[in-house]
Amino acid sequence: MDFWTLISYAAWGIAILLLLWMVADFWRVAQDYDEDFLLSSREGEE
């Protein structure tokens, strides 16, 4: 296996990890906050 093949596999691995992180973050935010809160445009108010 040459250098560029290893770099390609590493890039795919990083992309998969980032995708899993984004899905986990989406799930956590969806559990913690209501959709109305996330879609509100009120700045500085909670």
C-alpha atoms as a PDB file:
ATOM      1  CA  MET A   1       0.000   0.000   0.000  1.00  0.00           C
ATOM      2  CA  ASP A   2       1.492   3.307  -1.004  1.00  0.00           C
ATOM      3  CA  PHE A   3       1.501   6.664   0.771  1.00  0.00           C
ATOM      4  CA  TRP A   4      -1.425   8.206  -1.128  1.00  0.00           C
ATOM      5  CA  THR A   5      -3.687   5.234  -0.493  1.00  0.00           C
ATOM      6  CA  LEU A   6      -3.011   5.539   3.238  1.00  0.00           C
ATOM      7  CA  ILE A   7      -3.719   9.280   3.110  1.00  0.00           C
ATOM      8  CA  SER A   8      -6.971   8.565   1.265  1.00  0.00           C
ATOM      9  CA  TYR A   9      -8.082   6.041   3.888  1.00  0.00           C
ATOM     10  CA  ALA A  10      -7.151   8.466   6.664  1.00  0.00           C
ATOM     11  CA  ALA A  11      -9.211  11.217   5.019  1.00  0.00           C
ATOM     12  CA  TRP A  12     -12.218   8.902   4.722  1.00  0.00           C
ATOM     13  CA  GLY A  13     -11.808   7.913   8.363  1.00  0.00           C
ATOM     14  CA  ILE A  14     -11.733  11.555   9.451  1.00  0.00           C
ATOM     15  CA  ALA A  15     -14.808  12.298   7.330  1.00  0.00           C
ATOM     16  CA  ILE A  16     -16.712   9.413   8.937  1.00  0.00           C
ATOM     17  CA  LEU A  17     -15.703  10.566  12.430  1.00  0.00           C
ATOM     18  CA  LEU A  18     -16.885  14.106  11.650  1.00  0.00           C
ATOM     19  CA  LEU A  19     -20.195  12.766  10.357  1.00  0.00           C
ATOM     20  CA  LEU A  20     -20.703  10.708  13.516  1.00  0.00           C
ATOM     21  CA  TRP A  21     -19.837  13.742  15.649  1.00  0.00           C
ATOM     22  CA  MET A  22     -22.384  15.892  13.775  1.00  0.00           C
ATOM     23  CA  VAL A  23     -25.115  13.255  14.187  1.00  0.00           C
ATOM     24  CA  ALA A  24     -24.356  12.898  17.908  1.00  0.00           C
ATOM     25  CA  ASP A  25     -24.396  16.693  18.356  1.00  0.00           C
ATOM     26  CA  PHE A  26     -27.688  16.938  16.469  1.00  0.00           C
ATOM     27  CA  TRP A  27     -29.195  14.275  18.733  1.00  0.00           C
ATOM     28  CA  ARG A  28     -27.943  15.980  21.910  1.00  0.00           C
ATOM     29  CA  VAL A  29     -29.206  19.432  20.868  1.00  0.00           C
ATOM     30  CA  ALA A  30     -32.565  17.987  19.820  1.00  0.00           C
ATOM     31  CA  GLN A  31     -32.916  16.380  23.264  1.00  0.00           C
ATOM     32  CA  ASP A  32     -31.879  19.492  25.215  1.00  0.00           C
ATOM     33  CA  TYR A  33     -33.775  22.227  23.349  1.00  0.00           C
ATOM     34  CA  ASP A  34     -37.286  22.604  22.006  1.00  0.00           C
ATOM     35  CA  GLU A  35     -37.772  23.288  18.298  1.00  0.00           C
ATOM     36  CA  ASP A  36     -39.505  26.594  19.061  1.00  0.00           C
ATOM     37  CA  PHE A  37     -36.452  27.770  21.010  1.00  0.00           C
ATOM     38  CA  LEU A  38     -34.088  26.783  18.202  1.00  0.00           C
ATOM     39  CA  LEU A  39     -36.178  28.534  15.560  1.00  0.00           C
ATOM     40  CA  SER A  40     -36.768  31.734  17.530  1.00  0.00           C
ATOM     41  CA  SER A  41     -35.053  34.905  16.375  1.00  0.00           C
ATOM     42  CA  ARG A  42     -34.965  36.544  19.799  1.00  0.00           C
ATOM     43  CA  GLU A  43     -31.382  37.465  20.543  1.00  0.00           C
ATOM     44  CA  GLY A  44     -30.241  37.797  24.123  1.00  0.00           C
ATOM     45  CA  GLU A  45     -33.373  36.257  25.579  1.00  0.00           C
ATOM     46  CA  GLU A  46     -33.637  32.745  26.903  1.00  0.00           C
END
